[in-house]
N, C-alpha and C. Protein backbone atom coordinates (compact mmCIF):
# COMPACT_ATOMS: atom_id res chain seq x y z
N MET A 1 9.89 12.54 -1.44
CA MET A 1 9.45 11.13 -2.23
C MET A 1 8.92 11.93 -3.82
N ARG A 2 8.62 13.20 -3.82
CA ARG A 2 7.95 14.23 -4.16
C ARG A 2 8.01 14.19 -6.03
N GLU A 3 9.78 14.56 -5.76
CA GLU A 3 10.65 14.63 -7.07
C GLU A 3 10.90 12.80 -7.66
N GLU A 4 11.36 12.22 -6.94
CA GLU A 4 11.01 11.12 -8.19
C GLU A 4 9.80 11.12 -7.85
N ILE A 5 8.68 10.65 -7.13
CA ILE A 5 7.40 9.83 -8.37
C ILE A 5 6.96 11.13 -9.56
N ASN A 6 7.50 12.70 -9.59
CA ASN A 6 6.96 13.18 -10.64
C ASN A 6 8.02 12.83 -11.75
N ASN A 7 9.63 13.15 -11.02
CA ASN A 7 10.37 11.37 -12.72
C ASN A 7 9.52 11.18 -13.09
N ILE A 8 9.28 9.66 -12.49
CA ILE A 8 8.57 8.71 -12.82
C ILE A 8 7.66 9.11 -13.63
N ILE A 9 6.29 9.75 -13.20
CA ILE A 9 5.24 9.69 -13.97
C ILE A 9 5.66 10.46 -15.20
N GLN A 10 6.22 11.38 -15.48
CA GLN A 10 6.76 12.10 -16.36
C GLN A 10 6.91 11.11 -18.16
N ASN A 11 7.58 9.91 -17.50
CA ASN A 11 8.83 9.05 -18.85
C ASN A 11 7.66 8.00 -18.95
N HIS A 12 6.80 7.41 -17.49
CA HIS A 12 6.37 5.83 -18.08
C HIS A 12 4.87 5.59 -18.14
N HIS A 13 4.72 5.11 -18.46
CA HIS A 13 2.61 4.76 -18.31
C HIS A 13 2.67 3.80 -17.49
N ALA A 14 3.19 2.77 -16.97
CA ALA A 14 2.54 1.55 -16.43
C ALA A 14 4.24 1.51 -15.30
N ILE A 15 3.58 1.17 -14.19
CA ILE A 15 4.75 1.67 -12.78
C ILE A 15 4.14 0.34 -11.08
N LEU A 16 5.38 -0.56 -11.70
CA LEU A 16 5.20 -1.06 -10.69
C LEU A 16 6.39 -0.63 -9.05
N LEU A 17 6.01 -0.49 -8.27
CA LEU A 17 6.45 -0.19 -7.17
C LEU A 17 6.15 -1.21 -5.47
N GLU A 18 8.24 -1.57 -4.97
CA GLU A 18 7.37 -2.07 -4.04
C GLU A 18 7.15 -1.44 -3.16
N GLY A 19 6.05 -1.52 -2.21
CA GLY A 19 5.69 -1.53 -0.92
C GLY A 19 4.67 -1.31 -0.76
N ASP A 20 4.32 -1.08 0.35
CA ASP A 20 3.04 -1.60 1.63
C ASP A 20 1.68 -0.66 1.21
N LYS A 21 0.20 -0.66 0.79
CA LYS A 21 -0.75 0.10 1.42
C LYS A 21 -0.69 0.98 2.03
N ASN A 22 0.44 1.70 2.97
CA ASN A 22 0.72 2.91 3.39
C ASN A 22 1.50 3.54 2.20
N LEU A 23 1.85 3.37 1.42
CA LEU A 23 3.26 3.40 1.09
C LEU A 23 1.46 4.03 -0.83
N ALA A 24 0.87 2.89 -0.83
CA ALA A 24 -0.33 3.63 -1.98
C ALA A 24 -0.81 4.67 -1.68
N PHE A 25 -1.46 4.47 -0.32
CA PHE A 25 -2.11 5.80 0.48
C PHE A 25 -1.11 7.05 0.59
N GLU A 26 -0.11 7.30 -0.01
CA GLU A 26 0.74 7.85 1.02
C GLU A 26 0.86 8.78 -0.38
N ILE A 27 1.33 7.85 -1.80
CA ILE A 27 1.09 8.11 -3.26
C ILE A 27 -0.35 8.51 -3.62
N ARG A 28 -1.12 7.50 -2.82
CA ARG A 28 -2.46 8.76 -3.55
C ARG A 28 -2.68 10.12 -3.43
N ASP A 29 -2.91 10.53 -1.52
CA ASP A 29 -2.54 11.28 -0.83
C ASP A 29 -1.88 13.05 -2.55
N PHE A 30 -0.78 12.61 -2.82
CA PHE A 30 0.98 13.31 -3.03
C PHE A 30 -0.23 13.74 -4.53
N LEU A 31 -0.80 12.87 -5.09
CA LEU A 31 -1.18 12.70 -6.73
C LEU A 31 -2.68 13.25 -6.57
N LYS A 32 -3.61 13.27 -6.31
CA LYS A 32 -4.58 13.71 -5.91
C LYS A 32 -4.43 15.19 -5.50
N GLU A 33 -3.47 15.64 -5.27
CA GLU A 33 -4.04 16.88 -5.56
C GLU A 33 -3.73 17.91 -6.44
N ASP A 34 -3.62 17.65 -7.67
CA ASP A 34 -3.29 17.95 -9.10
C ASP A 34 -4.52 16.84 -9.98
N ASN A 35 -4.40 15.64 -9.99
CA ASN A 35 -4.42 15.05 -10.68
C ASN A 35 -6.27 14.63 -10.41
N ASP A 36 -6.60 13.64 -11.81
CA ASP A 36 -7.76 12.43 -10.61
C ASP A 36 -7.16 11.35 -10.39
N VAL A 37 -7.25 10.70 -9.13
CA VAL A 37 -6.90 9.74 -8.96
C VAL A 37 -7.96 8.91 -8.61
N PHE A 38 -8.13 7.13 -9.32
CA PHE A 38 -8.89 6.08 -8.51
C PHE A 38 -7.94 5.26 -8.40
N LEU A 39 -7.94 4.94 -7.26
CA LEU A 39 -7.94 3.89 -5.84
C LEU A 39 -7.98 2.53 -5.45
N ILE A 40 -7.47 1.38 -5.46
CA ILE A 40 -8.35 0.03 -5.42
C ILE A 40 -7.47 -1.00 -4.49
N GLU A 41 -8.26 -0.75 -3.34
CA GLU A 41 -6.72 -1.57 -2.16
C GLU A 41 -7.31 -2.96 -1.86
N LYS A 42 -6.34 -4.09 -2.24
CA LYS A 42 -7.30 -5.41 -2.40
C LYS A 42 -6.12 -6.48 -1.69
N ASN A 43 -6.06 -7.83 -0.75
CA ASN A 43 -5.06 -8.72 -0.73
C ASN A 43 -4.86 -9.45 -2.28
N GLU A 44 -5.77 -9.70 -2.41
CA GLU A 44 -5.62 -9.60 -3.82
C GLU A 44 -6.19 -9.72 -5.24
N ILE A 45 -6.31 -8.79 -6.18
CA ILE A 45 -6.93 -8.62 -7.22
C ILE A 45 -7.58 -9.67 -7.78
N SER A 46 -8.86 -9.33 -8.04
CA SER A 46 -10.09 -10.76 -9.10
C SER A 46 -9.83 -9.81 -10.07
N ILE A 47 -10.97 -11.25 -11.03
CA ILE A 47 -11.18 -10.62 -12.14
C ILE A 47 -11.89 -9.64 -12.55
N GLU A 48 -13.37 -9.23 -11.35
CA GLU A 48 -14.16 -8.38 -11.30
C GLU A 48 -13.45 -6.85 -10.99
N ASP A 49 -12.59 -7.09 -9.72
CA ASP A 49 -11.39 -5.72 -9.44
C ASP A 49 -10.12 -5.51 -11.05
N ALA A 50 -10.17 -6.39 -11.95
CA ALA A 50 -9.19 -6.36 -13.38
C ALA A 50 -10.28 -5.70 -13.46
N ARG A 51 -11.51 -5.70 -13.53
CA ARG A 51 -12.24 -4.71 -15.17
C ARG A 51 -12.92 -3.82 -14.14
N SER A 52 -12.67 -3.84 -13.02
CA SER A 52 -13.00 -2.47 -12.52
C SER A 52 -12.00 -0.69 -12.78
N VAL A 53 -10.83 -1.61 -12.83
CA VAL A 53 -9.27 -1.09 -12.83
C VAL A 53 -9.54 -0.62 -14.56
N LYS A 54 -10.16 -1.62 -15.54
CA LYS A 54 -9.63 -0.84 -17.16
C LYS A 54 -10.84 -0.50 -17.36
N GLU A 55 -12.12 -0.26 -16.65
CA GLU A 55 -13.54 1.30 -16.91
C GLU A 55 -12.76 2.04 -16.38
N ASN A 56 -11.91 1.92 -15.34
CA ASN A 56 -11.31 3.48 -14.62
C ASN A 56 -10.46 4.01 -15.52
N ALA A 57 -9.56 3.00 -15.89
CA ALA A 57 -8.44 3.35 -17.36
C ALA A 57 -8.44 4.17 -18.25
N ASN A 58 -10.32 3.75 -18.51
CA ASN A 58 -10.70 4.13 -20.15
C ASN A 58 -11.19 5.57 -19.72
N LEU A 59 -11.81 5.92 -18.64
CA LEU A 59 -12.20 7.65 -18.30
C LEU A 59 -11.40 8.45 -18.52
N LYS A 60 -11.63 9.64 -18.94
CA LYS A 60 -10.89 11.17 -18.92
C LYS A 60 -11.18 11.71 -17.50
N PRO A 61 -9.81 11.97 -16.94
CA PRO A 61 -9.79 12.10 -16.47
C PRO A 61 -11.01 13.64 -15.86
N LEU A 62 -11.08 14.36 -15.01
CA LEU A 62 -12.05 14.54 -14.10
C LEU A 62 -11.37 16.23 -14.52
N TYR A 63 -10.02 16.23 -13.53
CA TYR A 63 -9.17 17.63 -13.76
C TYR A 63 -7.31 17.20 -14.05
N GLY A 64 -6.75 17.52 -13.89
CA GLY A 64 -5.64 17.77 -13.86
C GLY A 64 -4.99 17.28 -15.53
N ASN A 65 -3.17 17.02 -15.49
CA ASN A 65 -3.35 16.51 -16.63
C ASN A 65 -3.87 14.87 -17.15
N PHE A 66 -3.72 13.91 -16.02
CA PHE A 66 -3.34 12.69 -15.93
C PHE A 66 -4.81 11.97 -15.31
N ARG A 67 -4.78 11.07 -15.32
CA ARG A 67 -5.96 9.89 -14.40
C ARG A 67 -5.04 9.07 -13.71
N PHE A 68 -5.07 8.52 -12.53
CA PHE A 68 -3.96 7.78 -12.36
C PHE A 68 -4.76 6.53 -11.33
N VAL A 69 -4.42 5.15 -12.29
CA VAL A 69 -4.91 3.99 -12.04
C VAL A 69 -4.10 3.55 -10.51
N LEU A 70 -4.65 3.90 -9.41
CA LEU A 70 -3.69 2.97 -8.11
C LEU A 70 -3.90 2.12 -8.24
N VAL A 71 -3.34 0.70 -7.85
CA VAL A 71 -3.70 -0.51 -7.57
C VAL A 71 -2.49 -1.33 -6.97
N SER A 72 -2.99 -1.40 -5.08
CA SER A 72 -2.03 -1.96 -3.86
C SER A 72 -2.39 -3.48 -3.55
N ALA A 73 -2.17 -4.16 -3.93
CA ALA A 73 -2.62 -5.24 -3.58
C ALA A 73 -0.95 -6.25 -3.14
N ASN A 74 -1.28 -7.74 -2.97
CA ASN A 74 -0.08 -8.57 -2.31
C ASN A 74 -0.33 -9.62 -3.18
N LYS A 75 -1.16 -9.87 -3.97
CA LYS A 75 -1.77 -10.29 -5.13
C LYS A 75 -1.81 -10.44 -6.46
N LEU A 76 -1.88 -10.76 -7.35
CA LEU A 76 -2.41 -10.39 -8.83
C LEU A 76 -3.23 -11.85 -9.25
N GLY A 77 -4.58 -12.14 -9.24
CA GLY A 77 -4.87 -13.08 -9.72
C GLY A 77 -4.57 -13.55 -10.93
N ARG A 78 -4.27 -15.29 -11.35
CA ARG A 78 -4.21 -15.52 -12.99
C ARG A 78 -4.84 -14.90 -13.87
N GLU A 79 -6.52 -14.87 -13.71
CA GLU A 79 -7.63 -14.33 -14.82
C GLU A 79 -6.98 -12.76 -14.65
N ALA A 80 -6.85 -12.38 -13.08
CA ALA A 80 -6.59 -10.89 -13.63
C ALA A 80 -5.49 -10.59 -14.33
N SER A 81 -4.87 -10.97 -14.39
CA SER A 81 -3.17 -10.70 -14.90
C SER A 81 -3.83 -10.41 -15.72
N GLU A 82 -4.19 -11.15 -16.77
CA GLU A 82 -4.51 -11.79 -18.03
C GLU A 82 -5.35 -10.50 -18.84
N SER A 83 -6.26 -10.64 -17.65
CA SER A 83 -7.44 -9.60 -18.33
C SER A 83 -6.35 -7.71 -18.24
N LEU A 84 -5.52 -7.87 -17.90
CA LEU A 84 -5.10 -6.30 -17.26
C LEU A 84 -3.43 -6.27 -18.32
N LEU A 85 -3.70 -7.31 -19.61
CA LEU A 85 -2.20 -7.13 -19.92
C LEU A 85 -2.72 -5.95 -21.43
N LYS A 86 -3.88 -5.98 -21.69
CA LYS A 86 -3.83 -5.18 -22.86
C LYS A 86 -3.61 -3.39 -22.16
N ILE A 87 -4.36 -4.14 -21.35
CA ILE A 87 -4.53 -1.67 -20.71
C ILE A 87 -3.01 -1.37 -20.33
N LEU A 88 -2.56 -2.50 -19.34
CA LEU A 88 -0.86 -2.28 -19.48
C LEU A 88 -0.35 -1.49 -20.61
N GLU A 89 -0.29 -2.48 -21.71
CA GLU A 89 0.49 -2.11 -22.76
C GLU A 89 0.68 -1.24 -23.41
N GLU A 90 -0.56 -0.88 -23.75
CA GLU A 90 -1.64 0.35 -24.38
C GLU A 90 -1.97 1.27 -23.61
N PRO A 91 -2.23 1.80 -22.43
CA PRO A 91 -2.67 2.55 -21.61
C PRO A 91 -4.04 3.96 -22.82
N PRO A 92 -5.20 4.23 -22.31
CA PRO A 92 -5.04 5.85 -22.87
C PRO A 92 -4.49 6.88 -22.32
N LYS A 93 -3.90 7.83 -23.44
CA LYS A 93 -2.74 8.67 -23.50
C LYS A 93 -3.05 9.23 -22.35
N GLU A 94 -3.90 9.72 -21.39
CA GLU A 94 -3.79 10.43 -20.57
C GLU A 94 -4.26 9.98 -18.93
N THR A 95 -3.59 8.21 -19.10
CA THR A 95 -3.73 7.61 -18.06
C THR A 95 -2.54 7.00 -17.71
N LYS A 96 -2.63 7.06 -16.37
CA LYS A 96 -0.68 6.52 -15.83
C LYS A 96 -1.64 5.29 -14.58
N ILE A 97 -1.12 4.75 -14.99
CA ILE A 97 -1.47 2.70 -13.87
C ILE A 97 -0.44 2.44 -12.93
N ILE A 98 -0.44 2.63 -11.57
CA ILE A 98 0.31 2.30 -10.65
C ILE A 98 0.14 1.64 -9.78
N ILE A 99 0.95 -0.10 -10.31
CA ILE A 99 1.05 -1.45 -9.27
C ILE A 99 1.90 -1.56 -7.72
N VAL A 100 1.11 -0.88 -6.94
CA VAL A 100 1.95 -1.16 -5.54
C VAL A 100 1.87 -2.56 -4.70
N THR A 101 2.93 -2.92 -4.52
CA THR A 101 2.74 -4.62 -3.80
C THR A 101 4.42 -4.89 -3.22
N PRO A 102 3.99 -5.29 -1.97
CA PRO A 102 5.29 -5.90 -0.87
C PRO A 102 6.22 -6.55 -1.56
N ASN A 103 5.14 -8.11 -2.59
CA ASN A 103 6.06 -8.80 -3.48
C ASN A 103 5.93 -8.87 -4.35
N PRO A 104 6.80 -8.76 -5.53
CA PRO A 104 6.74 -8.29 -6.40
C PRO A 104 6.58 -9.65 -7.47
N LYS A 105 7.18 -10.25 -6.40
CA LYS A 105 7.42 -12.05 -7.15
C LYS A 105 6.41 -12.58 -7.72
N PHE A 106 5.23 -12.27 -6.40
CA PHE A 106 3.66 -12.52 -7.05
C PHE A 106 3.00 -12.32 -8.09
N ILE A 107 3.38 -11.16 -8.63
CA ILE A 107 2.91 -10.19 -9.70
C ILE A 107 4.17 -11.21 -11.04
N SER A 108 2.70 -11.86 -12.14
CA SER A 108 3.01 -12.93 -13.26
C SER A 108 4.24 -11.97 -14.39
N PRO A 109 5.12 -12.85 -14.71
CA PRO A 109 6.33 -12.65 -15.61
C PRO A 109 6.24 -11.16 -16.58
N THR A 110 4.17 -11.63 -17.66
CA THR A 110 3.94 -10.91 -18.23
C THR A 110 3.53 -9.67 -18.49
N ILE A 111 2.87 -9.84 -17.08
CA ILE A 111 2.42 -8.03 -16.32
C ILE A 111 3.74 -7.34 -16.23
N LEU A 112 4.58 -8.02 -15.55
CA LEU A 112 6.40 -7.23 -15.21
C LEU A 112 7.05 -6.72 -16.48
N SER A 113 6.59 -7.26 -17.36
CA SER A 113 7.71 -7.03 -18.44
C SER A 113 7.00 -6.29 -19.06
N ARG A 114 5.49 -5.69 -18.70
CA ARG A 114 4.85 -4.51 -19.29
C ARG A 114 4.85 -3.02 -18.68
N MET A 115 5.46 -3.78 -17.16
CA MET A 115 5.97 -1.97 -16.18
C MET A 115 7.29 -1.96 -15.94
N VAL A 116 7.77 -0.26 -15.75
CA VAL A 116 9.09 -0.04 -14.69
C VAL A 116 9.05 0.08 -13.48
N LYS A 117 9.62 -1.47 -13.01
CA LYS A 117 9.73 -1.55 -11.95
C LYS A 117 10.35 -0.40 -10.78
N VAL A 118 10.72 -0.02 -9.79
CA VAL A 118 10.92 1.85 -9.11
C VAL A 118 11.28 0.70 -8.14
N LYS A 119 12.85 0.94 -7.59
CA LYS A 119 13.26 0.60 -6.42
C LYS A 119 13.05 1.54 -5.87
N ASP A 120 12.20 0.57 -3.92
CA ASP A 120 12.19 1.12 -3.13
C ASP A 120 12.40 2.46 -1.82
N SER A 121 13.64 2.98 -3.02
CA SER A 121 14.22 3.80 -2.42
C SER A 121 13.23 5.27 -1.43
N PHE A 122 11.82 5.32 -1.49
CA PHE A 122 10.90 6.08 -1.06
C PHE A 122 10.07 5.23 0.02
N ARG A 123 10.22 3.94 -0.06
CA ARG A 123 9.23 2.89 0.31
C ARG A 123 9.15 3.80 1.85
N HIS A 124 8.15 3.53 2.65
CA HIS A 124 7.53 3.48 2.95
C HIS A 124 7.76 2.15 4.90
N VAL A 125 8.03 3.21 5.27
CA VAL A 125 9.08 2.55 6.77
C VAL A 125 8.44 2.50 7.81
N ASP A 126 7.41 1.53 8.69
CA ASP A 126 6.51 1.49 9.67
C ASP A 126 7.08 2.62 11.15
N GLU A 127 6.55 2.99 12.45
CA GLU A 127 7.02 4.22 12.59
C GLU A 127 6.71 2.23 13.82
N GLU A 128 6.11 1.20 13.21
CA GLU A 128 5.89 -0.01 14.55
C GLU A 128 7.08 -0.94 14.18
N VAL A 129 7.96 -0.91 12.66
CA VAL A 129 8.94 -1.46 12.20
C VAL A 129 9.67 -0.88 13.60
N LEU A 130 10.21 0.25 13.57
CA LEU A 130 11.48 1.33 13.94
C LEU A 130 11.32 0.81 15.64
N SER A 131 10.33 1.05 15.85
CA SER A 131 9.87 0.74 17.44
C SER A 131 10.05 -0.88 17.64
N PHE A 132 9.75 -1.92 17.18
CA PHE A 132 10.21 -3.30 17.16
C PHE A 132 11.93 -3.37 16.73
N LEU A 133 12.86 -2.17 16.76
CA LEU A 133 14.15 -2.68 16.08
C LEU A 133 14.48 -1.96 17.66
N LYS A 134 14.11 -1.26 18.37
CA LYS A 134 14.77 -0.42 19.08
C LYS A 134 14.39 -1.76 20.32
N LYS A 135 13.56 -2.11 20.68
CA LYS A 135 13.26 -3.31 21.99
C LYS A 135 14.08 -4.00 21.74
N ASP A 136 13.91 -4.85 23.75
CA ASP A 136 14.79 -6.25 23.54
C ASP A 136 14.07 -7.24 23.18
N SER A 137 14.74 -8.20 23.29
CA SER A 137 14.03 -9.23 22.68
C SER A 137 12.67 -9.38 23.63
N LEU A 138 12.69 -10.03 24.45
CA LEU A 138 11.77 -10.45 25.26
C LEU A 138 10.13 -8.97 25.39
N ALA A 139 10.57 -7.97 25.01
CA ALA A 139 9.64 -7.16 24.05
C ALA A 139 8.95 -7.37 22.33
N ARG A 140 9.96 -7.94 22.07
CA ARG A 140 9.54 -7.93 20.56
C ARG A 140 8.51 -9.29 20.91
N LEU A 141 8.60 -10.29 21.70
CA LEU A 141 8.19 -11.53 21.59
C LEU A 141 6.93 -10.91 21.96
N LYS A 142 6.39 -9.88 22.82
CA LYS A 142 5.05 -9.39 23.14
C LYS A 142 4.58 -8.95 22.04
N ILE A 143 4.62 -8.34 21.12
CA ILE A 143 4.51 -7.76 19.81
C ILE A 143 4.47 -8.66 19.16
N VAL A 144 4.60 -9.61 18.95
CA VAL A 144 4.79 -10.41 17.66
C VAL A 144 3.62 -11.28 18.09
N GLU A 145 3.02 -11.86 19.38
CA GLU A 145 2.25 -12.42 20.28
C GLU A 145 1.13 -11.35 19.57
N GLY A 146 1.13 -10.36 19.93
CA GLY A 146 0.07 -9.27 19.59
C GLY A 146 -0.23 -9.48 18.24
N PHE A 147 0.84 -8.89 17.06
CA PHE A 147 0.60 -9.25 16.33
C PHE A 147 -0.15 -10.14 15.22
N LEU A 148 0.01 -11.49 15.87
CA LEU A 148 -0.37 -12.44 15.11
C LEU A 148 -1.44 -12.76 15.70
N LYS A 149 -2.64 -11.82 16.78
CA LYS A 149 -3.99 -12.00 17.16
C LYS A 149 -4.10 -11.62 15.78
N ASN A 150 -4.00 -10.53 15.06
CA ASN A 150 -4.75 -9.28 14.04
C ASN A 150 -4.82 -11.01 12.60
N GLU A 151 -6.16 -10.69 12.30
CA GLU A 151 -5.79 -12.02 11.36
C GLU A 151 -5.51 -10.90 9.52
N ASP A 152 -5.24 -9.57 9.67
CA ASP A 152 -5.13 -8.84 8.62
C ASP A 152 -3.70 -8.24 9.18
N PHE A 153 -3.04 -9.11 9.82
CA PHE A 153 -1.31 -9.05 10.42
C PHE A 153 -0.78 -9.90 8.76
N ASN A 154 0.20 -9.31 7.95
CA ASN A 154 0.43 -9.91 6.91
C ASN A 154 2.88 -9.93 7.35
N SER A 155 2.24 -11.01 7.70
CA SER A 155 4.27 -11.66 8.34
C SER A 155 4.71 -10.99 6.82
N VAL A 156 4.44 -11.48 6.07
CA VAL A 156 6.20 -11.29 4.93
C VAL A 156 6.09 -9.92 4.61
N ASN A 157 5.36 -8.58 4.70
CA ASN A 157 4.82 -7.32 4.31
C ASN A 157 6.03 -7.19 5.62
N PHE A 158 5.93 -7.11 7.10
CA PHE A 158 6.37 -7.10 8.21
C PHE A 158 8.35 -7.28 7.90
N LEU A 159 8.57 -8.54 7.43
CA LEU A 159 9.61 -8.86 6.55
C LEU A 159 10.35 -7.91 6.84
N ASP A 160 9.65 -8.04 5.52
CA ASP A 160 10.14 -6.55 4.58
C ASP A 160 10.24 -5.39 5.09
N GLN A 161 9.33 -4.50 5.50
CA GLN A 161 9.68 -3.54 6.78
C GLN A 161 10.89 -3.57 7.10
N LEU A 162 10.80 -5.13 7.62
CA LEU A 162 11.85 -5.05 8.92
C LEU A 162 13.23 -4.48 7.78
N GLU A 163 13.54 -5.64 7.13
CA GLU A 163 14.68 -5.27 5.67
C GLU A 163 15.20 -4.33 5.08
N ASN A 164 13.89 -3.07 4.76
CA ASN A 164 13.98 -2.06 4.29
C ASN A 164 13.94 -1.02 5.49
N ALA A 165 14.29 -1.23 7.06
CA ALA A 165 14.40 -0.12 7.80
C ALA A 165 15.73 -0.68 8.38
N ILE A 166 15.97 -1.38 8.07
CA ILE A 166 17.92 -1.64 8.69
C ILE A 166 18.72 -1.22 6.86
N SER A 167 18.42 -1.61 6.12
CA SER A 167 19.71 -1.16 5.59
C SER A 167 18.96 1.32 4.91
N ARG A 168 17.73 0.92 5.22
CA ARG A 168 17.93 2.88 5.49
C ARG A 168 18.22 3.82 6.55
N ALA A 169 18.72 2.75 7.17
CA ALA A 169 19.03 3.13 8.86
C ALA A 169 20.28 2.78 9.03
N ASN A 170 21.28 2.71 7.43
CA ASN A 170 23.17 2.77 7.05
C ASN A 170 22.89 1.19 8.45
N LEU A 171 22.83 0.36 8.54
CA LEU A 171 22.63 -0.83 9.85
C LEU A 171 23.51 -1.64 9.60
N LEU A 172 24.25 -2.30 7.39
CA LEU A 172 24.10 -3.01 6.76
C LEU A 172 26.46 -3.08 6.92
N ASP A 173 26.51 -1.50 7.18
CA ASP A 173 27.68 -1.92 7.64
C ASP A 173 28.13 -3.41 9.53
N ASN A 174 26.86 -3.21 9.88
CA ASN A 174 27.38 -3.91 10.63
C ASN A 174 26.88 -5.40 10.41
N LYS A 175 28.28 -6.05 11.32
CA LYS A 175 27.78 -7.62 10.39
C LYS A 175 26.87 -8.49 11.19
N GLU A 176 26.02 -8.74 12.15
CA GLU A 176 25.07 -9.01 12.61
C GLU A 176 23.86 -8.87 11.94
N PHE A 177 23.79 -7.02 11.54
CA PHE A 177 22.43 -6.81 10.82
C PHE A 177 22.59 -7.21 9.99
N ARG A 178 23.81 -7.18 8.82
CA ARG A 178 23.80 -8.38 7.59
C ARG A 178 22.92 -9.37 7.49
N GLU A 179 23.99 -9.80 8.99
CA GLU A 179 23.45 -11.89 9.42
C GLU A 179 21.84 -11.64 9.47
N SER A 180 21.65 -10.53 10.08
CA SER A 180 19.85 -10.86 10.43
C SER A 180 19.43 -10.34 9.10
N VAL A 181 19.18 -9.73 8.41
CA VAL A 181 18.95 -9.50 7.33
C VAL A 181 18.59 -10.92 6.57
N LEU A 182 20.01 -11.70 5.70
CA LEU A 182 19.54 -12.76 4.88
C LEU A 182 18.89 -13.85 6.42
N ASP A 183 18.85 -13.48 7.25
CA ASP A 183 17.97 -14.84 8.27
C ASP A 183 16.41 -14.45 7.49
N ILE A 184 16.32 -12.91 7.42
CA ILE A 184 14.79 -12.57 7.45
C ILE A 184 14.69 -12.95 5.45
N TYR A 185 15.58 -12.94 4.64
CA TYR A 185 15.50 -12.96 3.32
C TYR A 185 14.64 -15.06 3.43
N LYS A 186 15.65 -15.64 4.38
CA LYS A 186 15.33 -17.42 4.40
C LYS A 186 14.13 -17.61 5.14
N SER A 187 13.93 -16.64 6.22
CA SER A 187 11.98 -16.47 6.80
C SER A 187 11.11 -15.63 5.50
N LYS A 188 11.19 -15.20 4.78
CA LYS A 188 9.59 -14.91 3.75
C LYS A 188 9.73 -15.63 2.92
N GLU A 189 11.45 -16.53 2.85
CA GLU A 189 10.65 -17.86 1.12
C GLU A 189 10.29 -19.19 2.31
N ALA A 190 10.99 -19.01 3.74
CA ALA A 190 10.16 -20.14 4.40
C ALA A 190 8.43 -19.69 4.37
N LEU A 191 8.26 -18.83 4.56
CA LEU A 191 6.49 -18.40 4.96
C LEU A 191 5.58 -18.49 3.69
N GLN A 192 6.44 -19.01 2.58
CA GLN A 192 5.78 -19.36 1.20
C GLN A 192 5.64 -20.62 1.01
N ILE A 193 5.68 -21.43 2.22
CA ILE A 193 5.53 -22.96 2.04
C ILE A 193 4.50 -23.48 3.33
N ALA A 194 3.49 -23.95 2.81
CA ALA A 194 2.05 -24.44 3.37
C ALA A 194 2.94 -24.79 4.48
N GLY A 195 1.90 -24.51 5.96
CA GLY A 195 2.12 -25.45 6.82
C GLY A 195 3.02 -24.72 7.96
N THR A 196 4.04 -23.95 6.96
CA THR A 196 5.69 -23.42 7.62
C THR A 196 4.64 -22.54 8.82
N SER A 197 5.11 -22.38 10.14
CA SER A 197 4.90 -21.08 11.05
C SER A 197 5.20 -20.34 11.21
N LYS A 198 4.48 -19.16 11.09
CA LYS A 198 4.28 -17.70 11.07
C LYS A 198 5.34 -17.93 12.81
N LYS A 199 4.46 -17.99 13.51
CA LYS A 199 4.92 -18.48 15.13
C LYS A 199 6.37 -18.60 15.42
N GLN A 200 6.52 -19.61 15.09
CA GLN A 200 8.35 -19.76 15.30
C GLN A 200 9.15 -19.09 14.34
N ILE A 201 8.42 -18.51 13.05
CA ILE A 201 9.24 -17.74 12.13
C ILE A 201 9.86 -16.39 12.93
N LEU A 202 8.54 -15.60 13.37
CA LEU A 202 8.69 -14.09 13.48
C LEU A 202 9.26 -14.67 14.80
N GLU A 203 9.31 -15.30 15.73
CA GLU A 203 9.70 -15.63 17.05
C GLU A 203 11.40 -15.30 17.33
N TYR A 204 11.70 -16.38 15.95
CA TYR A 204 12.82 -16.67 15.97
C TYR A 204 13.57 -15.43 15.39
N ILE A 205 13.41 -13.77 14.90
CA ILE A 205 13.34 -13.03 14.10
C ILE A 205 13.46 -11.95 15.03
N ALA A 206 12.69 -12.33 15.90
CA ALA A 206 12.22 -11.38 17.85
C ALA A 206 13.82 -11.92 18.46
N LEU A 207 14.28 -12.84 18.15
CA LEU A 207 15.52 -13.32 19.87
C LEU A 207 16.73 -13.30 18.70
N THR A 208 16.46 -13.17 17.58
CA THR A 208 17.69 -13.26 17.21
C THR A 208 18.22 -11.52 16.82
N LEU A 209 17.57 -11.21 16.17
CA LEU A 209 17.64 -9.80 15.68
C LEU A 209 18.25 -8.96 16.56
N PRO A 210 19.27 -7.81 15.85
CA PRO A 210 20.28 -7.15 17.05
C PRO A 210 19.15 -6.21 17.32
N LYS A 211 19.67 -5.14 18.54
CA LYS A 211 18.87 -4.33 19.03
C LYS A 211 19.34 -3.01 18.34
N TYR A 212 18.16 -2.26 17.70
CA TYR A 212 19.27 -0.34 17.04
C TYR A 212 18.94 0.50 18.30
């Protein structure tokens, strides 16, 4: 990951990475060894958060060559997006802005047009997800039951992680896994519709996903 990140930050000032907060923390820990890093991690970035991002982006680095402003979020509110446009277009010379999100489609097109989107080749895969793939269907149902009791559990992010794990484990040559990835994609779309049952979606994936 180090070489990939280094190559990206040397050539771009505003970067969008597809991944969850674990990836954001991993990048922060890597960058802060040699650079000044500010991290904000929220489910949704508000206008107040956007102001904080801009204030920090305009600060000189306390050490290192760059000041990195790292934003980890599932969504950017409309007002926050509008507020961030200028700083993303013309950030200070010594500032790099990185947005990490599991759902780029929830980022406005105007924001995306000002950033370089990097594919998820070094995206973090949670051990919990790998363990889920290796369980039988009954064990998976119990895991899903536990997930749904956690108010902070993000079902779309979990499905993203499943899809990523299947790809990185080179399982797409298997027809059953290819069909499951299609089911995962359709499930993520369904979860964007108000009133969709997370329980039914996740239980369906738990029962139909092949065992790794």
